Each structure stands twice: as structure tokens, then as C-alpha cells.
Amino acid sequence: MRKLMAGACALVVTSALAGAANAQATFVQAGRLLADPATGKVEIAKTLVLENGKVTRILDGYVAEPGGKVVDLKDSFVLPGLIDSHVHLTGQQNPNGRLQAVTQSPSDSAMVGAGFARKTLMAGFTTVANLGANSQAIFALREGVKRGDVAGPRILASGSSISVHGGHGDINGYSEDVMHALRPESVCSGADDCRRAVREQIWLGADLIKITATGGVLSNTAAGLAKQFSDAELAAIVESAHSMGRKVTAHAHGGDGINAFLKAGGDSIEHGTYLDNEGIALMKKSGAYLVPTLMAGDFVYRIASGPNNYFTPAQTAKALEAGPKMLDMVRRAHADGVKVAFGTDSGVSAHGDNAGEFALLVKAGMTPLEAIQTATVNAADHFSLSNEIGSLTPGKAADLIAVKGDPLKDVTELQRVTSVIKGGVVYK
């Protein structure tokens, strides 16, 4: 018996070693390489060796080894896969959006999301945070991508947003019976009820918690853009999330809501339209990230002010008010040293167009390199994933993209991604 067991163990070990030896490495031959955007250093004629979904080596020159797969990017500029810190994969703004909200099931939304996930990946975004969606739909999509059943970016998902009753994130603008039927489980009132909502989202599978700390542009209610949670509710939400190992990010336009959330210990601000000097000081003190979503502000203003406006009157008024203010807010925040992570709010604007945010960040005062850093090393730090993504140093995920031109000279090159590799798999 001992001899049989020893023989079996030897066979298993030998098979495992043979499998490792035969595992096919991928050799990505890069004409120009920005491996670590934190340094800004561009290297010439490098080969990245990808094995088991990771970057294992970076070699000088154009190298290939017997049995390896070669990806020839000698005419391209290679950089880490991009990270979008704010998307909504299971839908997209369109004139039929209000009808779709009452006709699509969670399963329909997940299937719609699969299509948008593929578009997002093909645009060069290998990791996204989905901040607000039907929990059943987005968690199913996340797991489908993780298994490899769906081509899409790595997804961090909050599930449904934590919202006050009647606030942004609740169902608004339908008949009462429809609103009761569609109201998400994450709507709450009072500190104890908000603790329940946070804990339930974590129970359902949330990677992080997203709250709607203020009113929002696209909620169909004339409730403004100011603070909507009480201080006690905000404190309960943050404490409950942190005690269960989850960060909390806040949709927040109004300065009062931004500042109250930051004082409660919140981790990051989405949008930040009316960020004031107090808010900037609070963000710098705590190290909180700003996720500006400039594309969303630009998009809603163009729709609301255009000839084919399909927003409701309440949405239109808020879009015209908030949209034009966002560029200046980012300019002030960046100049004062607030940490910025890239995010688009795609689903408001079109999925696949995410890289349009880079040009807006540059318009707001960033250099092209600083804009790229927001979508790589900064966003990775924002999600505490710096050991896994954000750069192409050995040991990290083999997530990389390529463009033909130089995005450090013209950041719009990132809107024309020619190659995408995620987890060592070539998708484009």
C-alpha cells in the first residue's frame, strides 16, 4: 500500500511538473513600453513574458522562446490595461430608458450587460467598478466574466446603491404601484435601517458600497442636488461597511453632501460637482479619491440643451445646472493636490467610448501622463489593488493594451486601442 501511495504521489508531482514545463508562455514584443505609469518612463524594444495570467519577466529586445506564443507589437505603444472606476454595465441612456426600466427583467439586464462588458473590454478597459445596478444582474455578470463565460473586464460591483426613500437611487416618476414593485432592497431611512441596507448588500455579494449622498441629475424628481442622508445615517453606513471590510464611495454633487460624507469617514467621491474648499481640505486630509466622471456631465448637458432632448423636465433642469460646472471643479481639485481616479459613469454616455474621458481630464488641466495615471496606478490604489493591477511589473496581472501613436503626446490615441490582453488572454 505504501509503495502504491508513493508511486501515485510521484506520478502526480511528475505530471504537475510536466504541465508547468509545457505551459505556453506568451511573448509580447513591444516597440515602446510604459510598464509603470507612476514613473512615466517609456522603454524601447522590450518583451513582456506572460505566464499563467501574470507578467513574469520583462526582457530587453525582441525575444521569443521555443513553444511560446508571440504577439508582435513592435510598431505599437504598450501600456497597462485601463481601469474605469465608475460604470453601469447593465444599461445605457436612451430615449426608451424609462420604458426599459419596467420591461426588462434582471436576466435581461445581465444579458444586456454582457454585450456592454465586451464593448468596454475591447475599448481597452480591463477592470471596472460597477456602481449601481440590480444586484442579481450585476453579480451574475461579474461571476460570468470571472469564469470566462463572458468576455469582459474584471468587475468590482456594488450592487444596488444605498439611497434614502424618495432620493436619487430610489424609483421615481412612475405610478405608486410600479414604484413599490421596482423599489430596490437598498433604500433606507434612519441609521438602523441604513445599517441593514449595507449589510444586506454585502450579504448579496457587494465588493464595495455605493451610496447616493445627494440628489442626482437623472433621477426623475425635482429634489435638487443637495445632501439627502442625515449625519447619523452617513455614520451608520460608513461604520457598517468598514466593519465588514468594504470601502464606501458616494455619488455626491452638492457641497453639503460631499463634506458630510467625508466627515463620516467616506472613502471616495463620485462626480463632486460642487466640491468646495472645505471638501478639498477634507479629501486631502483623509486621502479620499475624487472620481470626476466628466463625460457624464458633458453628455447630460449636450442632451438637455440639444434639439432632441429626451430627458424629463426635472432631469433637464439639473443637467443644465450641473453639467457645465464639472470641468472647473476638477481643475481646482487637481491643482490643490486632490487624488483623482479615472471614472466615466458610462451607461450615461455610451459604453465603449470610455476613453473620451482622457481628453476632458487634459482639458481640466492634467498632462496626458497624469490622465493616464488616473486610469492605471491611481485607480488601482483607489481600490487597494496595487499589488495586482495598474502597472506591468512582474507578478501583476497580464492586463495590457496597445495603440499605434503616442498617448503621452496625444491622449486621444487611447480612443483607438488596437490590442487588448487581459489575464494573459489575447482578446483583440
Protein backbone atom coordinates (compact mmCIF):
# COMPACT_ATOMS: atom_id res chain seq x y z
CA MET A 1 0.00 0.00 0.00
CA ARG A 2 2.81 2.42 0.91
CA LYS A 3 4.55 1.69 -2.40
CA LEU A 4 1.30 2.30 -4.29
CA MET A 5 0.74 5.62 -2.47
CA ALA A 6 4.33 6.71 -3.07
CA GLY A 7 4.04 5.81 -6.74
CA ALA A 8 0.78 7.73 -7.05
CA CYS A 9 2.28 10.79 -5.37
CA ALA A 10 5.31 10.63 -7.64
CA LEU A 11 3.04 10.41 -10.67
CA VAL A 12 1.03 13.46 -9.56
CA VAL A 13 4.18 15.51 -8.93
CA THR A 14 5.73 14.41 -12.24
CA SER A 15 2.53 15.28 -14.12
CA ALA A 16 2.31 18.69 -12.45
CA LEU A 17 5.92 19.48 -13.32
CA ALA A 18 5.41 18.34 -16.89
CA GLY A 19 2.31 20.53 -17.15
CA ALA A 20 4.23 23.51 -15.82
CA ALA A 21 7.07 22.88 -18.23
CA ASN A 22 4.66 22.61 -21.17
CA ALA A 23 2.60 25.66 -20.20
CA GLN A 24 2.75 28.04 -23.14
CA ALA A 25 4.28 31.39 -22.40
CA THR A 26 3.27 34.47 -24.39
CA PHE A 27 5.95 36.88 -25.58
CA VAL A 28 4.63 40.38 -26.19
CA GLN A 29 7.16 42.28 -28.27
CA ALA A 30 6.60 45.98 -27.57
CA GLY A 31 8.10 48.76 -29.68
CA ARG A 32 7.50 51.25 -26.87
CA LEU A 33 6.53 50.27 -23.34
CA LEU A 34 5.14 52.30 -20.44
CA ALA A 35 5.27 49.49 -17.90
CA ASP A 36 4.77 51.64 -14.82
CA PRO A 37 2.87 54.89 -15.41
CA ALA A 38 3.92 56.11 -11.95
CA THR A 39 7.44 56.64 -13.32
CA GLY A 40 6.44 57.97 -16.75
CA LYS A 41 9.40 56.06 -18.21
CA VAL A 42 8.93 54.79 -21.76
CA GLU A 43 11.28 51.98 -22.78
CA ILE A 44 12.13 50.93 -26.32
CA ALA A 45 12.19 47.39 -27.78
CA LYS A 46 11.07 45.29 -24.82
CA THR A 47 9.47 41.86 -24.48
CA LEU A 48 6.94 41.08 -21.78
CA VAL A 49 6.71 37.42 -20.84
CA LEU A 50 3.22 36.36 -19.77
CA GLU A 51 2.61 33.08 -17.94
CA ASN A 52 -0.45 31.82 -16.07
CA GLY A 53 -2.17 35.19 -16.42
CA LYS A 54 0.72 37.16 -14.94
CA VAL A 55 3.64 39.20 -16.17
CA THR A 56 6.68 37.15 -15.17
CA ARG A 57 9.56 38.90 -16.93
CA ILE A 58 10.41 42.00 -18.93
CA LEU A 59 13.32 41.39 -21.30
CA ASP A 60 15.49 43.64 -23.41
CA GLY A 61 14.99 43.36 -27.16
CA TYR A 62 12.51 41.23 -29.07
CA VAL A 63 12.63 37.77 -27.56
CA ALA A 64 10.78 34.51 -28.19
CA GLU A 65 11.44 31.06 -26.78
CA PRO A 66 10.63 27.65 -28.31
CA GLY A 67 6.98 26.73 -27.85
CA GLY A 68 5.97 30.24 -26.88
CA LYS A 69 3.28 32.37 -28.49
CA VAL A 70 4.44 35.68 -29.96
CA VAL A 71 2.33 38.85 -30.01
CA ASP A 72 4.04 41.29 -32.36
CA LEU A 73 3.51 44.86 -31.14
CA LYS A 74 6.83 46.20 -32.37
CA ASP A 75 5.01 49.04 -34.13
CA SER A 76 2.91 49.94 -31.08
CA PHE A 77 2.90 51.76 -27.76
CA VAL A 78 2.09 49.29 -24.95
CA LEU A 79 0.75 50.23 -21.50
CA PRO A 80 -1.23 48.63 -18.69
CA GLY A 81 -4.90 47.79 -19.15
CA LEU A 82 -7.09 50.73 -18.22
CA ILE A 83 -9.34 50.93 -15.15
CA ASP A 84 -12.71 52.71 -15.13
CA SER A 85 -13.79 53.37 -11.55
CA HIS A 86 -17.44 54.15 -12.36
CA VAL A 87 -19.62 52.35 -14.90
CA HIS A 88 -23.15 50.96 -15.21
CA LEU A 89 -22.79 47.95 -17.49
CA THR A 90 -26.39 46.70 -17.38
CA GLY A 91 -27.91 49.64 -19.23
CA GLN A 92 -27.34 52.77 -21.27
CA GLN A 93 -29.17 56.09 -21.53
CA ASN A 94 -31.53 56.25 -24.49
CA PRO A 95 -34.99 57.62 -25.31
CA ASN A 96 -36.60 54.30 -24.25
CA GLY A 97 -34.82 54.11 -20.90
CA ARG A 98 -37.89 54.77 -18.77
CA LEU A 99 -39.79 52.00 -20.57
CA GLN A 100 -36.90 49.54 -20.29
CA ALA A 101 -36.82 50.07 -16.53
CA VAL A 102 -40.24 48.42 -16.25
CA THR A 103 -39.96 45.85 -19.05
CA GLN A 104 -36.51 44.32 -18.58
CA SER A 105 -36.00 41.57 -16.01
CA PRO A 106 -32.75 41.13 -14.08
CA SER A 107 -31.89 38.35 -16.52
CA ASP A 108 -32.45 40.70 -19.45
CA SER A 109 -30.22 43.28 -17.77
CA ALA A 110 -27.45 40.73 -17.27
CA MET A 111 -27.57 39.80 -20.96
CA VAL A 112 -27.52 43.45 -21.99
CA GLY A 113 -24.58 43.89 -19.63
CA ALA A 114 -22.68 41.06 -21.31
CA GLY A 115 -22.76 43.00 -24.57
CA PHE A 116 -21.63 46.22 -22.93
CA ALA A 117 -18.93 44.38 -20.98
CA ARG A 118 -17.43 43.16 -24.25
CA LYS A 119 -17.51 46.67 -25.73
CA THR A 120 -15.78 48.00 -22.63
CA LEU A 121 -13.04 45.38 -22.78
CA MET A 122 -12.44 45.97 -26.47
CA ALA A 123 -12.02 49.68 -25.72
CA GLY A 124 -9.03 48.79 -23.53
CA PHE A 125 -10.62 48.74 -20.08
CA THR A 126 -9.61 45.53 -18.34
CA THR A 127 -11.02 46.42 -14.89
CA VAL A 128 -14.15 48.38 -13.97
CA ALA A 129 -16.18 49.23 -10.89
CA ASN A 130 -19.91 48.91 -11.50
CA LEU A 131 -21.54 51.39 -9.13
CA GLY A 132 -25.28 50.86 -9.11
CA ALA A 133 -27.29 48.12 -10.79
CA ASN A 134 -29.80 45.41 -9.97
CA SER A 135 -27.79 43.20 -7.62
CA GLN A 136 -28.91 39.92 -9.16
CA ALA A 137 -27.99 41.06 -12.67
CA ILE A 138 -24.59 42.60 -11.99
CA PHE A 139 -23.36 39.90 -9.62
CA ALA A 140 -24.28 37.25 -12.21
CA LEU A 141 -22.39 39.19 -14.88
CA ARG A 142 -19.38 39.61 -12.60
CA GLU A 143 -19.22 35.86 -11.96
CA GLY A 144 -19.72 35.06 -15.66
CA VAL A 145 -16.70 37.19 -16.54
CA LYS A 146 -14.70 35.64 -13.72
CA ARG A 147 -15.44 32.11 -15.01
CA GLY A 148 -14.57 33.08 -18.57
CA ASP A 149 -18.12 32.55 -19.86
CA VAL A 150 -18.38 36.23 -20.82
CA ALA A 151 -15.70 38.40 -22.45
CA GLY A 152 -15.45 41.48 -20.30
CA PRO A 153 -13.34 43.45 -17.85
CA ARG A 154 -12.69 42.35 -14.30
CA ILE A 155 -15.71 43.71 -12.40
CA LEU A 156 -15.90 45.14 -8.90
CA ALA A 157 -19.60 45.52 -8.16
CA SER A 158 -21.54 47.41 -5.52
CA GLY A 159 -24.94 46.02 -6.47
CA SER A 160 -27.80 48.40 -5.73
CA SER A 161 -26.90 51.84 -4.40
CA ILE A 162 -27.79 52.71 -0.82
CA SER A 163 -30.35 55.52 -1.05
CA VAL A 164 -32.88 57.35 1.10
CA HIS A 165 -36.57 56.77 0.44
CA GLY A 166 -37.55 59.08 -2.40
CA GLY A 167 -33.97 60.06 -3.14
CA HIS A 168 -31.57 59.52 -6.01
CA GLY A 169 -31.27 55.74 -6.27
CA ASP A 170 -34.90 55.11 -5.38
CA ILE A 171 -37.54 54.63 -8.09
CA ASN A 172 -39.13 57.94 -9.05
CA GLY A 173 -41.64 59.24 -11.56
CA TYR A 174 -43.89 56.20 -12.07
CA SER A 175 -47.27 55.30 -10.61
CA GLU A 176 -47.16 54.32 -6.95
CA ASP A 177 -47.79 50.61 -7.52
CA VAL A 178 -44.98 50.42 -10.10
CA MET A 179 -42.58 52.24 -7.80
CA HIS A 180 -43.33 49.85 -4.94
CA ALA A 181 -42.74 46.88 -7.25
CA LEU A 182 -39.39 48.20 -8.52
CA ARG A 183 -38.01 49.69 -5.30
CA PRO A 184 -34.61 48.10 -4.53
CA GLU A 185 -33.83 46.47 -1.20
CA SER A 186 -31.10 49.05 -0.60
CA VAL A 187 -33.44 52.02 0.07
CA CYS A 188 -33.44 53.03 3.73
CA SER A 189 -34.47 55.64 6.31
CA GLY A 190 -32.85 56.06 9.72
CA ALA A 191 -29.46 54.91 10.93
CA ASP A 192 -30.50 51.37 11.86
CA ASP A 193 -32.31 50.81 8.57
CA CYS A 194 -29.28 52.07 6.66
CA ARG A 195 -27.08 49.63 8.56
CA ARG A 196 -29.44 46.89 7.43
CA ALA A 197 -29.23 48.02 3.80
CA VAL A 198 -25.43 47.99 3.84
CA ARG A 199 -25.25 44.58 5.47
CA GLU A 200 -27.77 43.14 3.01
CA GLN A 201 -25.76 44.38 0.02
CA ILE A 202 -22.64 42.76 1.45
CA TRP A 203 -24.63 39.59 2.11
CA LEU A 204 -25.76 39.59 -1.52
CA GLY A 205 -22.16 39.89 -2.70
CA ALA A 206 -21.12 43.56 -2.89
CA ASP A 207 -17.39 44.20 -3.33
CA LEU A 208 -17.84 47.79 -2.17
CA ILE A 209 -20.70 50.03 -1.08
CA LYS A 210 -22.01 52.90 -3.21
CA ILE A 211 -24.38 55.45 -1.69
CA THR A 212 -26.26 58.38 -3.17
CA ALA A 213 -25.27 61.05 -0.68
CA THR A 214 -27.00 63.83 -2.63
CA GLY A 215 -29.65 64.25 -5.27
CA GLY A 216 -28.76 63.21 -8.80
CA VAL A 217 -29.21 64.62 -12.27
CA LEU A 218 -31.00 61.65 -13.83
CA SER A 219 -33.42 60.74 -11.03
CA ASN A 220 -36.85 61.83 -12.20
CA THR A 221 -37.63 64.06 -9.25
CA ALA A 222 -37.25 67.77 -8.60
CA ALA A 223 -35.38 67.15 -5.35
CA GLY A 224 -32.25 69.13 -6.17
CA LEU A 225 -28.61 68.09 -5.89
CA ALA A 226 -28.01 68.70 -2.19
CA LYS A 227 -27.48 66.38 0.80
CA GLN A 228 -30.11 63.66 1.28
CA PHE A 229 -28.83 61.45 4.13
CA SER A 230 -28.68 62.63 7.74
CA ASP A 231 -25.32 62.72 9.51
CA ALA A 232 -26.40 59.78 11.67
CA GLU A 233 -27.32 57.74 8.59
CA LEU A 234 -23.98 58.51 6.92
CA ALA A 235 -22.06 57.50 10.04
CA ALA A 236 -24.01 54.24 10.28
CA ILE A 237 -23.38 53.39 6.62
CA VAL A 238 -19.64 54.00 6.77
CA GLU A 239 -19.19 52.21 10.09
CA SER A 240 -21.19 49.19 8.91
CA ALA A 241 -19.30 48.90 5.62
CA HIS A 242 -15.85 49.36 7.14
CA SER A 243 -16.57 46.85 9.90
CA MET A 244 -17.25 44.26 7.17
CA GLY A 245 -14.18 45.13 5.12
CA ARG A 246 -15.84 47.22 2.40
CA LYS A 247 -14.96 50.71 1.19
CA VAL A 248 -17.74 53.24 0.69
CA THR A 249 -17.99 55.63 -2.25
CA ALA A 250 -20.59 58.36 -2.60
CA HIS A 251 -22.43 59.75 -5.57
CA ALA A 252 -22.30 63.37 -4.47
CA HIS A 253 -22.93 66.68 -6.26
CA GLY A 254 -23.83 69.18 -3.55
CA GLY A 255 -21.04 70.52 -1.34
CA ASP A 256 -23.02 69.86 1.85
CA GLY A 257 -23.43 66.18 1.00
CA ILE A 258 -19.78 65.83 -0.05
CA ASN A 259 -18.49 67.33 3.18
CA ALA A 260 -20.87 65.42 5.45
CA PHE A 261 -19.90 62.11 3.82
CA LEU A 262 -16.19 62.85 4.14
CA LYS A 263 -16.62 63.82 7.81
CA ALA A 264 -18.35 60.47 8.35
CA GLY A 265 -15.21 58.71 7.08
CA GLY A 266 -16.23 58.00 3.48
CA ASP A 267 -13.54 56.77 1.10
CA SER A 268 -14.21 58.50 -2.23
CA ILE A 269 -16.46 60.93 -4.07
CA GLU A 270 -18.13 60.28 -7.41
CA HIS A 271 -18.87 63.41 -9.53
CA GLY A 272 -18.12 66.10 -6.92
CA THR A 273 -19.76 68.90 -8.91
CA TYR A 274 -19.98 71.47 -6.11
CA LEU A 275 -16.78 70.46 -4.31
CA ASP A 276 -15.71 73.48 -2.24
CA ASN A 277 -12.56 74.47 -0.36
CA GLU A 278 -13.70 72.63 2.76
CA GLY A 279 -14.28 69.48 0.75
CA ILE A 280 -10.89 69.75 -0.90
CA ALA A 281 -9.23 70.12 2.51
CA LEU A 282 -11.15 67.10 3.84
CA MET A 283 -10.15 64.97 0.84
CA LYS A 284 -6.50 65.88 1.16
CA LYS A 285 -6.53 65.16 4.89
CA SER A 286 -8.15 61.73 4.54
CA GLY A 287 -6.60 60.73 1.22
CA ALA A 288 -10.04 60.22 -0.32
CA TYR A 289 -10.19 59.87 -4.08
CA LEU A 290 -12.22 62.01 -6.47
CA VAL A 291 -13.78 60.18 -9.43
CA PRO A 292 -14.91 63.11 -11.62
CA THR A 293 -16.97 61.42 -14.41
CA LEU A 294 -16.54 64.41 -16.74
CA MET A 295 -18.06 62.51 -19.64
CA ALA A 296 -21.33 62.22 -17.76
CA GLY A 297 -21.50 65.96 -17.13
CA ASP A 298 -20.66 66.68 -20.76
CA PHE A 299 -23.22 64.14 -22.03
CA VAL A 300 -26.19 65.25 -19.95
CA TYR A 301 -25.59 68.91 -20.77
CA ARG A 302 -25.45 68.18 -24.51
CA ILE A 303 -28.67 66.15 -24.39
CA ALA A 304 -30.52 68.66 -22.21
CA SER A 305 -29.51 71.63 -24.36
CA GLY A 306 -29.92 69.90 -27.73
CA PRO A 307 -32.81 69.69 -30.18
CA ASN A 308 -33.59 66.02 -29.40
CA ASN A 309 -33.71 66.25 -25.61
CA TYR A 310 -35.44 63.14 -24.21
CA PHE A 311 -34.95 63.99 -20.51
CA THR A 312 -37.91 64.80 -18.30
CA PRO A 313 -38.29 68.42 -17.11
CA ALA A 314 -36.79 67.57 -13.70
CA GLN A 315 -33.78 65.85 -15.31
CA THR A 316 -33.30 68.65 -17.83
CA ALA A 317 -33.15 71.38 -15.18
CA LYS A 318 -30.49 69.52 -13.17
CA ALA A 319 -28.45 68.59 -16.26
CA LEU A 320 -28.28 72.22 -17.39
CA GLU A 321 -27.27 73.29 -13.88
CA ALA A 322 -24.61 70.69 -13.06
CA GLY A 323 -23.03 69.71 -16.36
CA PRO A 324 -21.06 72.88 -17.12
CA LYS A 325 -19.55 73.12 -13.62
CA MET A 326 -17.61 69.87 -13.57
CA LEU A 327 -14.53 70.83 -15.59
CA ASP A 328 -13.70 73.76 -13.34
CA MET A 329 -14.23 71.59 -10.25
CA VAL A 330 -11.64 69.08 -11.48
CA ARG A 331 -9.25 71.87 -12.41
CA ARG A 332 -9.41 73.26 -8.85
CA ALA A 333 -9.21 69.86 -7.16
CA HIS A 334 -6.24 68.70 -9.23
CA ALA A 335 -4.37 71.98 -8.75
CA ASP A 336 -4.85 71.68 -4.98
CA GLY A 337 -3.50 68.13 -4.86
CA VAL A 338 -6.66 66.01 -4.52
CA LYS A 339 -6.09 62.41 -5.63
CA VAL A 340 -8.05 61.60 -8.80
CA ALA A 341 -9.11 58.19 -10.12
CA PHE A 342 -10.49 57.75 -13.62
CA GLY A 343 -14.23 57.15 -13.95
CA THR A 344 -16.77 57.85 -16.68
CA ASP A 345 -20.25 56.90 -15.41
CA SER A 346 -20.57 55.01 -18.71
CA GLY A 347 -24.13 53.91 -19.14
CA VAL A 348 -24.93 57.60 -19.02
CA SER A 349 -22.61 58.13 -22.01
CA ALA A 350 -22.09 55.17 -24.34
CA HIS A 351 -20.21 52.05 -23.30
CA GLY A 352 -17.05 51.63 -25.33
CA ASP A 353 -16.49 55.38 -25.52
CA ASN A 354 -14.88 55.42 -22.05
CA ALA A 355 -11.52 56.73 -23.25
CA GLY A 356 -13.14 60.03 -24.17
CA GLU A 357 -12.68 60.95 -20.51
CA PHE A 358 -8.92 61.36 -21.02
CA ALA A 359 -9.29 64.40 -23.27
CA LEU A 360 -11.62 66.03 -20.75
CA LEU A 361 -9.13 65.44 -17.93
CA VAL A 362 -6.43 67.10 -20.03
CA LYS A 363 -8.82 69.96 -20.76
CA ALA A 364 -9.23 70.29 -16.97
CA GLY A 365 -5.50 70.85 -16.54
CA MET A 366 -3.84 67.43 -16.40
CA THR A 367 -0.92 66.38 -18.56
CA PRO A 368 -1.53 63.27 -20.71
CA LEU A 369 0.66 61.25 -18.33
CA GLU A 370 -1.31 62.44 -15.30
CA ALA A 371 -4.54 61.48 -17.06
CA ILE A 372 -3.16 58.01 -17.82
CA GLN A 373 -2.08 57.64 -14.19
CA THR A 374 -5.68 58.22 -13.06
CA ALA A 375 -6.75 55.13 -15.05
CA THR A 376 -3.84 52.91 -14.00
CA VAL A 377 -1.79 53.36 -10.84
CA ASN A 378 -4.25 55.78 -9.19
CA ALA A 379 -7.34 53.67 -9.83
CA ALA A 380 -5.52 50.54 -8.65
CA ASP A 381 -4.60 52.33 -5.41
CA HIS A 382 -8.17 53.60 -5.09
CA PHE A 383 -9.41 50.01 -4.97
CA SER A 384 -6.47 48.70 -2.89
CA LEU A 385 -5.40 46.55 -5.86
CA SER A 386 -1.93 47.99 -6.47
CA ASN A 387 -0.37 44.55 -5.94
CA GLU A 388 -2.47 43.12 -8.76
CA ILE A 389 -3.18 45.71 -11.46
CA GLY A 390 -2.28 49.24 -12.58
CA SER A 391 1.23 48.54 -13.89
CA LEU A 392 3.04 45.76 -15.75
CA THR A 393 5.70 44.94 -13.19
CA PRO A 394 6.43 41.21 -12.80
CA GLY A 395 3.96 39.40 -10.60
CA LYS A 396 0.96 41.52 -11.59
CA ALA A 397 -1.93 40.61 -13.86
CA ALA A 398 -1.08 40.36 -17.55
CA ASP A 399 -3.54 43.14 -18.46
CA LEU A 400 -2.20 45.34 -21.25
CA ILE A 401 -3.29 47.35 -24.24
CA ALA A 402 -1.61 48.85 -27.29
CA VAL A 403 -2.13 51.88 -29.52
CA LYS A 404 -0.27 52.93 -32.67
CA GLY A 405 0.54 56.51 -31.68
CA ASP A 406 2.00 58.09 -28.55
CA PRO A 407 -0.69 58.82 -25.92
CA LEU A 408 1.81 60.92 -23.95
CA LYS A 409 1.74 63.38 -26.84
CA ASP A 410 -1.90 62.92 -27.90
CA VAL A 411 -4.07 61.34 -25.21
CA THR A 412 -6.87 60.75 -27.74
CA GLU A 413 -4.77 57.84 -29.07
CA LEU A 414 -6.37 55.88 -26.22
CA GLN A 415 -9.67 56.12 -28.10
CA ARG A 416 -8.09 53.95 -30.82
CA VAL A 417 -6.91 50.86 -28.96
CA THR A 418 -5.60 48.21 -31.36
CA SER A 419 -4.71 45.35 -28.98
CA VAL A 420 -6.16 44.13 -25.68
CA ILE A 421 -4.81 41.37 -23.44
CA LYS A 422 -6.49 40.57 -20.11
CA GLY A 423 -5.16 37.95 -17.75
CA GLY A 424 -2.77 36.80 -20.46
CA VAL A 425 -5.59 36.11 -22.94
CA VAL A 426 -5.48 37.98 -26.23
CA TYR A 427 -8.93 39.48 -26.91
CA LYS A 428 -8.04 41.98 -29.63
